[in-house]
Amino acid sequence: MSTDILIDLLQIIMLTLTTVIVMLVAGFKREHGLVNALTTSGLAASLLIFAFVDPILPLQATELIYFDEYSLFFSGLIIFGALAVSILAYPYFEKHHNNNEEFYILLLTATLGAVVLACSSHFISLFIGMEMLGVSLYAMIAYPVHGEKAAKFPLEAGIKYLIMSGLASGLILFGMALVYALTGAMFFNDLSPAINAEGLVGNPLLLTGFLLILGGISFKLSLVPFHIWTPDVYEGAPVPVTAYLATVSKAAMLAVTMRLLLLSDAFQFQALLIVLTVMAAASMLLGNLLALLQSNVKRLLAYSSIAHLGYLLVVIIAAASIPGLLSVESMSFYIAAYFIMSLAGFAVISALSNAGHELDNIADYQGLFWRNPWLSGVMITVLFSLAGIPLTAGFIGKFYIFTSGVEGSLWFLLTMLIIGSAIGLYYYLRLIYLMLQKAEMAPKKDPALAAIPFGTHAVLASMTALVIYLGVYPMPMIEILQSLAAAF
């Protein structure tokens, strides 16, 4: 193995090494604090590799793994999210006195799978990364907790995700088989030349293969009509797991999806674009409408995530007709913005919760501003950003989506985006109004608001700062993202 390849593989080597060390330590010493510290340190070291190691890019490190600016950006984003979740998990599980340590092993293996997904350039690595991520998530979602949720919700959520994710994996695998049978190619880069050389544009079997892959990916991303599992799983899973599922899991799937669609030139199939358009419109409209009906914050954020994934589909569809630079830049910025917003929102819920009791009912947030101005301030910032209010990261992300939609002449989808955003603004403002209600109308101070650990404060502060910074001065991030288009 050459030095160049070894340097590029350092992040994956560090994650693997951390997983093995945590597994060995957990096997010999059942100490929650020690295992959490090792996990957090390993993830931080993996993240620091990006700052101090100058990788040789682009580079086909192995037959299955490809490193370029695009994969490096999403790998960093994934590890950053896993680090935040690890920090949030410690106070959440601290009072859960048995089997805490296994959670961190699952977190590390899931993160390793997500990084493999982000670096995939081949159907095999796509499937391996997806299954590493998915199998770890099955157990993380069903992870046992004490208190009111222990009897039913985590296990029920885990089983639902297992069944739906298993079906999605089957669809993707069958779709891959059809595409490979017709093209003889498994590298993403080889698909477009093979399709054109064999005259397969318009071939119904090849279209079926791509549609099956798209259907499986839509399950993972919880796009309408494959969204049915999302609210129950978000509500039933422990808060740190919900945060991971909403951010790291979806960022990894979106990264590999964009690479696959652009490199395979799948947009040659008009039927595929029509299906994506219908799914985008339905996700934007249905996600926001169903969010209006929710009384649980986690379920509200679940339906909100469906709508936001619909917004992202606008960029993916626009990529069929606009330059790769704008589409990749737009998608990457919105994913990063949504990633940070979601982590901040779930960090607030985590700060108010523990393994025995979660404050996830909307009524629990009534008068929060008067009980804890700091947490309510973070949540209000997050909700403003999710709504796309100026001076937040969400506004810049929405601007990018509108720009891509206008460049691609996607007027129908832009209309749906405006309608969906207007509906979303209502339920975000409703929650803000509840938090700002006068003190005499609010419940008395809850013991869950007592001591919040320094680590949780650090996550809250850093995410809030990033939401505002990217909304006020996005140019440094934009300059980074403009280099990603070189991958295509």
Protein backbone atom coordinates (compact mmCIF):
# COMPACT_ATOMS: atom_id res chain seq x y z
CA MET A 1 0.00 0.00 0.00
CA SER A 2 1.42 3.37 -1.01
CA THR A 3 1.85 6.28 1.39
CA ASP A 4 -0.75 8.33 -0.51
CA ILE A 5 -3.40 5.65 -0.05
CA LEU A 6 -2.50 5.22 3.61
CA ILE A 7 -2.87 8.96 4.22
CA ASP A 8 -6.29 9.03 2.57
CA LEU A 9 -7.42 5.99 4.56
CA LEU A 10 -6.35 7.48 7.91
CA GLN A 11 -9.86 8.57 8.92
CA ILE A 12 -11.29 5.09 8.25
CA ILE A 13 -8.32 3.47 10.03
CA MET A 14 -8.84 5.75 13.04
CA LEU A 15 -12.56 4.93 13.21
CA THR A 16 -11.85 1.21 12.94
CA LEU A 17 -9.13 1.38 15.60
CA THR A 18 -11.43 3.32 17.94
CA THR A 19 -14.19 0.75 17.44
CA VAL A 20 -11.84 -2.14 18.33
CA ILE A 21 -10.45 -0.34 21.39
CA VAL A 22 -13.92 0.58 22.68
CA MET A 23 -15.10 -2.99 22.12
CA LEU A 24 -12.15 -4.43 24.08
CA VAL A 25 -12.45 -1.91 26.92
CA ALA A 26 -16.22 -2.46 27.20
CA GLY A 27 -15.60 -6.21 27.35
CA PHE A 28 -13.20 -5.95 30.29
CA LYS A 29 -14.40 -2.87 32.19
CA ARG A 30 -18.02 -1.79 32.36
CA GLU A 31 -17.40 1.92 32.82
CA HIS A 32 -19.76 4.26 30.98
CA GLY A 33 -17.63 7.38 31.42
CA LEU A 34 -14.46 5.68 30.17
CA VAL A 35 -16.14 4.21 27.09
CA ASN A 36 -17.78 7.54 26.26
CA ALA A 37 -14.44 9.34 26.65
CA LEU A 38 -12.69 6.85 24.35
CA THR A 39 -15.45 7.13 21.75
CA THR A 40 -15.49 10.92 21.84
CA SER A 41 -11.69 11.09 21.70
CA GLY A 42 -11.54 8.68 18.75
CA LEU A 43 -14.14 10.64 16.80
CA ALA A 44 -12.38 13.92 17.63
CA ALA A 45 -9.07 12.45 16.43
CA SER A 46 -10.73 11.29 13.20
CA LEU A 47 -12.06 14.81 12.71
CA LEU A 48 -8.68 16.42 13.42
CA ILE A 49 -7.13 14.33 10.66
CA PHE A 50 -8.95 16.62 8.21
CA ALA A 51 -7.22 19.66 9.68
CA PHE A 52 -3.66 18.32 9.94
CA VAL A 53 -3.37 15.79 7.13
CA ASP A 54 -3.17 16.96 3.53
CA PRO A 55 -4.66 14.09 1.51
CA ILE A 56 -3.78 13.34 -2.10
CA LEU A 57 -6.99 13.99 -4.02
CA PRO A 58 -8.63 12.60 -6.01
CA LEU A 59 -7.51 9.02 -5.36
CA GLN A 60 -9.04 5.57 -5.90
CA ALA A 61 -7.77 4.19 -2.58
CA THR A 62 -9.18 0.71 -3.17
CA GLU A 63 -11.42 -0.94 -5.74
CA LEU A 64 -14.44 0.21 -3.74
CA ILE A 65 -13.41 3.47 -2.03
CA TYR A 66 -12.82 6.77 -3.83
CA PHE A 67 -11.47 9.90 -2.16
CA ASP A 68 -12.06 13.40 -3.51
CA GLU A 69 -13.15 16.77 -2.10
CA TYR A 70 -16.78 15.65 -2.20
CA SER A 71 -16.30 12.47 -0.16
CA LEU A 72 -13.91 14.27 2.20
CA PHE A 73 -16.49 16.98 2.94
CA PHE A 74 -19.28 14.52 3.71
CA SER A 75 -16.98 12.25 5.72
CA GLY A 76 -16.06 15.23 7.88
CA LEU A 77 -19.71 16.19 8.27
CA ILE A 78 -20.62 12.62 9.28
CA ILE A 79 -17.85 12.34 11.88
CA PHE A 80 -18.72 15.81 13.23
CA GLY A 81 -22.33 14.68 13.71
CA ALA A 82 -21.28 11.43 15.38
CA LEU A 83 -19.03 13.39 17.75
CA ALA A 84 -21.93 15.64 18.77
CA VAL A 85 -24.20 12.61 19.32
CA SER A 86 -21.54 10.92 21.46
CA ILE A 87 -21.32 14.01 23.67
CA LEU A 88 -25.13 14.21 23.98
CA ALA A 89 -25.43 10.49 24.74
CA TYR A 90 -23.42 10.56 27.97
CA PRO A 91 -25.83 12.57 30.18
CA TYR A 92 -28.82 10.92 28.49
CA PHE A 93 -27.72 7.36 29.34
CA GLU A 94 -25.79 8.12 32.53
CA LYS A 95 -28.65 7.10 34.84
CA HIS A 96 -29.34 4.00 32.77
CA HIS A 97 -27.17 1.69 34.85
CA ASN A 98 -26.77 -1.37 32.64
CA ASN A 99 -25.44 -1.97 29.14
CA ASN A 100 -24.59 1.65 28.35
CA GLU A 101 -21.27 0.73 26.76
CA GLU A 102 -22.63 -1.21 23.78
CA PHE A 103 -24.33 1.94 22.51
CA TYR A 104 -20.97 3.50 21.65
CA ILE A 105 -19.80 0.42 19.75
CA LEU A 106 -22.96 0.66 17.65
CA LEU A 107 -22.42 4.40 17.18
CA LEU A 108 -18.89 3.83 15.87
CA THR A 109 -19.83 1.00 13.50
CA ALA A 110 -22.73 3.06 12.15
CA THR A 111 -20.39 6.01 11.58
CA LEU A 112 -17.86 3.77 9.83
CA GLY A 113 -20.64 2.56 7.52
CA ALA A 114 -21.75 6.14 6.84
CA VAL A 115 -18.19 7.18 5.92
CA VAL A 116 -17.90 4.19 3.56
CA LEU A 117 -21.18 5.30 1.96
CA ALA A 118 -19.91 8.84 1.46
CA CYS A 119 -16.74 7.49 -0.20
CA SER A 120 -18.52 4.91 -2.37
CA SER A 121 -17.86 4.75 -6.08
CA HIS A 122 -19.10 1.19 -6.61
CA PHE A 123 -22.34 -0.72 -6.02
CA ILE A 124 -20.61 -3.12 -3.62
CA SER A 125 -19.23 -0.38 -1.35
CA LEU A 126 -22.62 1.36 -1.48
CA PHE A 127 -24.32 -1.79 -0.21
CA ILE A 128 -21.64 -2.60 2.40
CA GLY A 129 -21.72 0.93 3.81
CA MET A 130 -25.52 1.03 3.79
CA GLU A 131 -25.77 -2.29 5.66
CA MET A 132 -23.10 -1.36 8.22
CA LEU A 133 -25.05 1.80 8.92
CA GLY A 134 -28.46 0.12 8.84
CA VAL A 135 -27.69 -2.92 11.01
CA SER A 136 -26.12 -0.70 13.68
CA LEU A 137 -29.16 1.58 13.58
CA TYR A 138 -31.55 -1.34 14.15
CA ALA A 139 -29.99 -1.93 17.56
CA MET A 140 -29.48 1.77 18.34
CA ILE A 141 -33.15 2.56 17.74
CA ALA A 142 -34.30 -0.35 19.90
CA TYR A 143 -31.70 0.41 22.56
CA PRO A 144 -33.26 -0.32 25.97
CA VAL A 145 -34.15 2.61 28.18
CA HIS A 146 -35.83 2.79 31.55
CA GLY A 147 -38.93 4.73 32.47
CA GLU A 148 -42.17 5.30 30.59
CA LYS A 149 -40.75 4.35 27.18
CA ALA A 150 -39.06 1.09 28.18
CA ALA A 151 -42.01 -1.27 27.82
CA LYS A 152 -42.88 -0.55 24.23
CA PHE A 153 -41.56 2.32 22.17
CA PRO A 154 -37.86 1.65 21.44
CA LEU A 155 -38.40 -2.00 20.55
CA GLU A 156 -41.46 -1.19 18.43
CA ALA A 157 -39.54 1.55 16.63
CA GLY A 158 -36.57 -0.76 16.05
CA ILE A 159 -38.75 -3.51 14.58
CA LYS A 160 -40.50 -1.03 12.27
CA TYR A 161 -37.18 0.31 11.05
CA LEU A 162 -35.81 -3.23 10.64
CA ILE A 163 -38.73 -4.33 8.46
CA MET A 164 -38.82 -1.18 6.33
CA SER A 165 -35.05 -0.96 5.99
CA GLY A 166 -34.82 -4.64 5.09
CA LEU A 167 -37.37 -4.09 2.33
CA ALA A 168 -35.43 -1.04 1.12
CA SER A 169 -32.17 -3.00 1.02
CA GLY A 170 -33.88 -5.73 -0.99
CA LEU A 171 -35.16 -3.20 -3.53
CA ILE A 172 -31.73 -1.62 -3.89
CA LEU A 173 -30.02 -5.00 -4.29
CA PHE A 174 -32.51 -6.16 -6.91
CA GLY A 175 -32.15 -2.84 -8.75
CA MET A 176 -28.36 -3.17 -8.72
CA ALA A 177 -28.66 -6.69 -10.14
CA LEU A 178 -30.81 -5.45 -13.04
CA VAL A 179 -28.47 -2.55 -13.81
CA TYR A 180 -25.41 -4.82 -13.68
CA ALA A 181 -27.05 -7.50 -15.83
CA LEU A 182 -27.74 -4.96 -18.59
CA THR A 183 -24.62 -2.79 -18.42
CA GLY A 184 -21.96 -5.11 -17.00
CA ALA A 185 -20.77 -2.18 -14.88
CA MET A 186 -20.68 -1.69 -11.11
CA PHE A 187 -18.45 1.39 -10.90
CA PHE A 188 -20.56 4.53 -10.99
CA ASN A 189 -18.18 6.07 -13.55
CA ASP A 190 -18.64 3.12 -15.92
CA LEU A 191 -22.44 3.21 -15.98
CA SER A 192 -22.95 6.17 -18.32
CA PRO A 193 -20.49 4.96 -21.01
CA ALA A 194 -21.99 1.46 -20.83
CA ILE A 195 -25.56 2.76 -21.16
CA ASN A 196 -24.65 4.87 -24.19
CA ALA A 197 -22.43 2.23 -25.82
CA GLU A 198 -25.06 -0.49 -25.52
CA GLY A 199 -27.89 1.81 -26.63
CA LEU A 200 -29.76 1.25 -23.37
CA VAL A 201 -31.29 4.73 -23.05
CA GLY A 202 -35.02 4.14 -22.70
CA ASN A 203 -34.59 0.42 -21.95
CA PRO A 204 -37.54 -0.51 -19.67
CA LEU A 205 -35.55 -3.09 -17.67
CA LEU A 206 -32.75 -0.61 -17.00
CA LEU A 207 -35.32 2.01 -16.00
CA THR A 208 -36.88 -0.56 -13.65
CA GLY A 209 -33.46 -1.16 -12.10
CA PHE A 210 -32.89 2.54 -11.45
CA LEU A 211 -36.45 2.92 -10.10
CA LEU A 212 -35.91 0.03 -7.66
CA ILE A 213 -32.68 1.62 -6.44
CA LEU A 214 -34.47 4.96 -6.13
CA GLY A 215 -37.33 3.32 -4.21
CA GLY A 216 -34.93 1.74 -1.73
CA ILE A 217 -33.05 4.99 -1.23
CA SER A 218 -36.39 6.79 -0.75
CA PHE A 219 -37.16 4.44 2.16
CA LYS A 220 -33.85 5.38 3.78
CA LEU A 221 -34.52 9.08 3.23
CA SER A 222 -38.20 8.79 4.29
CA LEU A 223 -39.58 10.42 1.16
CA VAL A 224 -43.30 10.18 0.39
CA PRO A 225 -44.73 7.54 -0.14
CA PHE A 226 -41.97 5.62 1.69
CA HIS A 227 -42.17 7.77 4.82
CA ILE A 228 -44.60 5.79 6.96
CA TRP A 229 -41.96 4.55 9.43
CA THR A 230 -40.44 7.95 10.15
CA PRO A 231 -42.65 9.54 12.85
CA ASP A 232 -42.94 6.35 14.91
CA VAL A 233 -39.20 5.66 14.77
CA TYR A 234 -38.29 9.27 15.58
CA GLU A 235 -40.65 9.24 18.57
CA GLY A 236 -39.71 5.77 19.83
CA ALA A 237 -35.93 5.95 19.57
CA PRO A 238 -33.78 7.53 22.32
CA VAL A 239 -33.14 11.21 21.58
CA PRO A 240 -29.42 10.85 20.68
CA VAL A 241 -30.33 8.08 18.23
CA THR A 242 -33.08 10.20 16.68
CA ALA A 243 -30.53 12.99 16.24
CA TYR A 244 -28.14 10.56 14.53
CA LEU A 245 -30.84 9.13 12.30
CA ALA A 246 -32.02 12.60 11.24
CA THR A 247 -28.54 13.86 10.38
CA VAL A 248 -25.70 11.38 9.82
CA SER A 249 -27.79 8.63 8.24
CA LYS A 250 -29.53 10.94 5.79
CA ALA A 251 -26.40 12.92 4.90
CA ALA A 252 -24.57 9.70 3.99
CA MET A 253 -27.44 8.44 1.81
CA LEU A 254 -27.84 11.81 0.08
CA ALA A 255 -24.11 12.03 -0.64
CA VAL A 256 -23.98 8.65 -2.37
CA THR A 257 -27.31 9.22 -4.15
CA MET A 258 -26.14 12.46 -5.77
CA ARG A 259 -22.89 10.84 -6.88
CA LEU A 260 -24.70 7.82 -8.34
CA LEU A 261 -27.31 9.85 -10.23
CA LEU A 262 -24.83 12.32 -11.71
CA LEU A 263 -22.11 9.84 -12.67
CA SER A 264 -24.52 7.24 -14.08
CA ASP A 265 -26.34 9.90 -16.10
CA ALA A 266 -29.61 8.36 -14.91
CA PHE A 267 -31.36 11.64 -15.70
CA GLN A 268 -31.51 10.50 -19.33
CA PHE A 269 -34.65 8.61 -18.27
CA GLN A 270 -37.54 11.08 -18.31
CA ALA A 271 -39.72 8.66 -16.33
CA LEU A 272 -37.19 8.83 -13.49
CA LEU A 273 -37.45 12.62 -13.42
CA ILE A 274 -41.25 12.43 -13.38
CA VAL A 275 -41.20 10.02 -10.42
CA LEU A 276 -38.75 12.26 -8.55
CA THR A 277 -40.92 15.31 -9.25
CA VAL A 278 -44.04 13.63 -7.87
CA MET A 279 -42.15 12.44 -4.78
CA ALA A 280 -40.69 15.91 -4.19
CA ALA A 281 -44.07 17.66 -4.44
CA ALA A 282 -45.79 15.06 -2.24
CA SER A 283 -43.02 15.19 0.38
CA MET A 284 -43.09 18.99 0.58
CA LEU A 285 -46.86 19.18 0.86
CA LEU A 286 -47.68 16.10 2.94
CA GLY A 287 -44.72 16.49 5.29
CA ASN A 288 -45.71 20.03 6.22
CA LEU A 289 -49.45 19.31 6.44
CA LEU A 290 -48.96 16.33 8.75
CA ALA A 291 -46.53 18.32 10.92
CA LEU A 292 -49.42 20.72 11.65
CA LEU A 293 -51.30 17.93 13.43
CA GLN A 294 -48.53 16.84 15.80
CA SER A 295 -48.45 17.31 19.57
CA ASN A 296 -45.04 15.65 19.96
CA VAL A 297 -41.90 17.63 19.10
CA LYS A 298 -40.01 14.59 17.79
CA ARG A 299 -42.90 13.65 15.51
CA LEU A 300 -43.15 17.26 14.36
CA LEU A 301 -39.46 17.24 13.45
CA ALA A 302 -39.95 13.88 11.72
CA TYR A 303 -42.61 15.26 9.38
CA SER A 304 -40.57 18.43 9.00
CA SER A 305 -37.62 16.29 7.85
CA ILE A 306 -39.83 14.70 5.18
CA ALA A 307 -40.62 18.19 3.86
CA HIS A 308 -36.96 19.25 3.93
CA LEU A 309 -35.94 16.14 1.99
CA GLY A 310 -38.58 17.16 -0.54
CA TYR A 311 -36.88 20.55 -0.81
CA LEU A 312 -33.57 18.80 -1.45
CA LEU A 313 -35.10 16.76 -4.25
CA VAL A 314 -35.67 20.04 -6.11
CA VAL A 315 -31.89 20.44 -6.36
CA ILE A 316 -31.38 16.82 -7.41
CA ILE A 317 -34.01 17.15 -10.15
CA ALA A 318 -32.52 20.48 -11.26
CA ALA A 319 -29.15 18.74 -11.66
CA ALA A 320 -30.54 17.14 -14.84
CA SER A 321 -30.51 20.51 -16.62
CA ILE A 322 -28.16 22.90 -14.79
CA PRO A 323 -24.35 22.89 -14.41
CA GLY A 324 -22.94 20.38 -11.93
CA LEU A 325 -21.25 23.15 -9.94
CA LEU A 326 -24.51 24.81 -8.88
CA SER A 327 -26.42 21.60 -8.14
CA VAL A 328 -23.66 20.02 -6.03
CA GLU A 329 -23.00 23.33 -4.25
CA SER A 330 -26.71 23.86 -3.51
CA MET A 331 -27.30 20.33 -2.26
CA SER A 332 -24.17 20.26 -0.11
CA PHE A 333 -24.93 23.61 1.53
CA TYR A 334 -28.52 22.65 2.33
CA ILE A 335 -27.47 19.28 3.74
CA ALA A 336 -24.84 20.96 5.94
CA ALA A 337 -27.33 23.60 7.11
CA TYR A 338 -30.08 21.07 7.83
CA PHE A 339 -27.53 18.83 9.55
CA ILE A 340 -26.51 21.60 11.96
CA MET A 341 -30.09 22.78 12.56
CA SER A 342 -31.31 19.27 13.36
CA LEU A 343 -28.41 18.53 15.70
CA ALA A 344 -29.11 21.76 17.59
CA GLY A 345 -32.84 21.02 17.84
CA PHE A 346 -32.34 17.49 19.11
CA ALA A 347 -29.61 18.72 21.47
CA VAL A 348 -32.25 20.90 23.16
CA ILE A 349 -34.60 17.92 23.51
CA SER A 350 -31.71 15.83 24.83
CA ALA A 351 -30.79 18.51 27.37
CA LEU A 352 -34.36 18.39 28.68
CA SER A 353 -34.47 14.58 28.76
CA ASN A 354 -32.82 11.46 30.10
CA ALA A 355 -33.21 7.73 29.52
CA GLY A 356 -36.09 7.56 32.00
CA HIS A 357 -38.09 10.59 30.90
CA GLU A 358 -38.21 12.62 27.70
CA LEU A 359 -39.69 16.10 27.41
CA ASP A 360 -40.88 15.68 23.84
CA ASN A 361 -44.49 16.82 24.13
CA ILE A 362 -45.17 20.26 22.71
CA ALA A 363 -46.97 21.19 25.94
CA ASP A 364 -43.71 20.60 27.85
CA TYR A 365 -42.20 23.58 26.01
CA GLN A 366 -44.86 26.03 27.16
CA GLY A 367 -43.11 28.94 28.88
CA LEU A 368 -39.65 27.44 28.36
CA PHE A 369 -38.24 30.92 27.76
CA TRP A 370 -39.08 31.90 31.34
CA ARG A 371 -37.69 28.67 32.79
CA ASN A 372 -34.51 28.47 30.71
CA PRO A 373 -33.84 31.37 28.31
CA TRP A 374 -30.68 29.70 26.95
CA LEU A 375 -32.37 26.50 25.77
CA SER A 376 -35.37 28.37 24.42
CA GLY A 377 -33.06 30.79 22.59
CA VAL A 378 -31.29 27.89 20.88
CA MET A 379 -34.60 26.27 19.93
CA ILE A 380 -36.01 29.55 18.59
CA THR A 381 -32.88 30.05 16.47
CA VAL A 382 -33.23 26.51 15.11
CA LEU A 383 -36.92 26.97 14.30
CA PHE A 384 -36.26 30.29 12.55
CA SER A 385 -33.56 28.60 10.49
CA LEU A 386 -35.79 25.63 9.61
CA ALA A 387 -38.41 28.13 8.47
CA GLY A 388 -35.83 29.91 6.29
CA ILE A 389 -35.81 33.26 8.12
CA PRO A 390 -33.00 35.63 6.97
CA LEU A 391 -29.67 35.74 8.84
CA THR A 392 -29.79 31.98 9.45
CA ALA A 393 -28.23 29.05 7.60
CA GLY A 394 -31.68 27.85 6.58
CA PHE A 395 -32.31 31.05 4.63
CA ILE A 396 -29.12 30.66 2.58
CA GLY A 397 -29.99 27.01 1.98
CA LYS A 398 -33.48 27.90 0.77
CA PHE A 399 -32.00 30.61 -1.45
CA TYR A 400 -29.74 28.02 -3.05
CA ILE A 401 -32.71 25.72 -3.67
CA PHE A 402 -34.72 28.55 -5.27
CA THR A 403 -31.75 29.46 -7.45
CA SER A 404 -31.36 25.86 -8.63
CA GLY A 405 -35.10 25.60 -9.26
CA VAL A 406 -35.17 28.82 -11.28
CA GLU A 407 -32.11 27.77 -13.31
CA GLY A 408 -33.79 24.44 -14.03
CA SER A 409 -37.19 26.07 -14.79
CA LEU A 410 -38.89 23.87 -12.17
CA TRP A 411 -41.82 26.25 -11.67
CA PHE A 412 -44.26 23.63 -10.37
CA LEU A 413 -41.82 22.44 -7.70
CA LEU A 414 -40.96 26.01 -6.73
CA THR A 415 -44.67 26.71 -6.24
CA MET A 416 -44.94 23.64 -4.01
CA LEU A 417 -41.84 24.77 -2.12
CA ILE A 418 -43.39 28.18 -1.43
CA ILE A 419 -46.66 26.61 -0.25
CA GLY A 420 -44.81 24.09 1.90
CA SER A 421 -42.58 26.76 3.43
CA ALA A 422 -45.64 28.88 4.29
CA ILE A 423 -47.28 25.94 6.06
CA GLY A 424 -44.01 25.14 7.83
CA LEU A 425 -43.70 28.70 9.05
CA TYR A 426 -47.00 28.32 10.91
CA TYR A 427 -46.08 25.29 13.00
CA TYR A 428 -42.59 26.59 13.72
CA LEU A 429 -44.05 29.90 14.94
CA ARG A 430 -46.67 28.02 16.98
CA LEU A 431 -43.92 26.28 18.95
CA ILE A 432 -42.04 29.56 19.38
CA TYR A 433 -45.23 31.21 20.67
CA LEU A 434 -45.66 28.44 23.25
CA MET A 435 -42.10 28.88 24.51
CA LEU A 436 -42.60 32.64 24.87
CA GLN A 437 -45.88 32.49 26.78
CA LYS A 438 -45.92 34.49 29.99
CA ALA A 439 -44.53 32.88 33.11
CA GLU A 440 -47.88 32.72 34.93
CA MET A 441 -49.32 30.68 32.04
CA ALA A 442 -46.39 28.26 32.02
CA PRO A 443 -45.89 25.11 34.11
CA LYS A 444 -43.60 25.31 37.12
CA LYS A 445 -39.92 24.61 36.72
CA ASP A 446 -39.24 21.00 35.77
CA PRO A 447 -36.42 19.07 37.48
CA ALA A 448 -35.16 18.06 34.02
CA LEU A 449 -33.96 21.66 33.60
CA ALA A 450 -31.57 21.37 36.52
CA ALA A 451 -27.93 20.60 35.72
CA ILE A 452 -26.99 20.47 32.06
CA PRO A 453 -23.45 19.11 31.48
CA PHE A 454 -20.73 21.23 29.92
CA GLY A 455 -20.54 18.94 26.88
CA THR A 456 -24.20 19.52 26.07
CA HIS A 457 -23.72 23.28 26.45
CA ALA A 458 -20.74 23.07 24.08
CA VAL A 459 -22.81 21.26 21.44
CA LEU A 460 -25.68 23.74 21.82
CA ALA A 461 -23.38 26.77 21.61
CA SER A 462 -21.35 25.51 18.64
CA MET A 463 -24.40 24.49 16.60
CA THR A 464 -26.20 27.77 17.31
CA ALA A 465 -23.11 29.75 16.38
CA LEU A 466 -22.81 27.82 13.11
CA VAL A 467 -26.48 28.39 12.24
CA ILE A 468 -26.03 32.14 12.66
CA TYR A 469 -22.54 32.31 11.13
CA LEU A 470 -23.59 30.47 7.96
CA GLY A 471 -26.58 32.78 7.68
CA VAL A 472 -24.59 36.00 8.15
CA TYR A 473 -21.31 35.14 6.44
CA PRO A 474 -21.62 32.00 4.27
CA MET A 475 -18.73 32.76 1.87
CA PRO A 476 -16.07 30.54 3.52
CA MET A 477 -18.43 27.57 3.32
CA ILE A 478 -19.45 28.46 -0.25
CA GLU A 479 -15.80 28.55 -1.34
CA ILE A 480 -15.28 25.07 0.11
CA LEU A 481 -18.39 23.73 -1.60
CA GLN A 482 -17.47 25.15 -5.00
CA SER A 483 -14.48 22.80 -5.07
CA LEU A 484 -16.74 19.78 -4.62
CA ALA A 485 -18.12 19.99 -8.16
CA ALA A 486 -14.73 18.87 -9.46
CA ALA A 487 -15.81 15.36 -8.42
CA PHE A 488 -18.31 15.39 -11.28
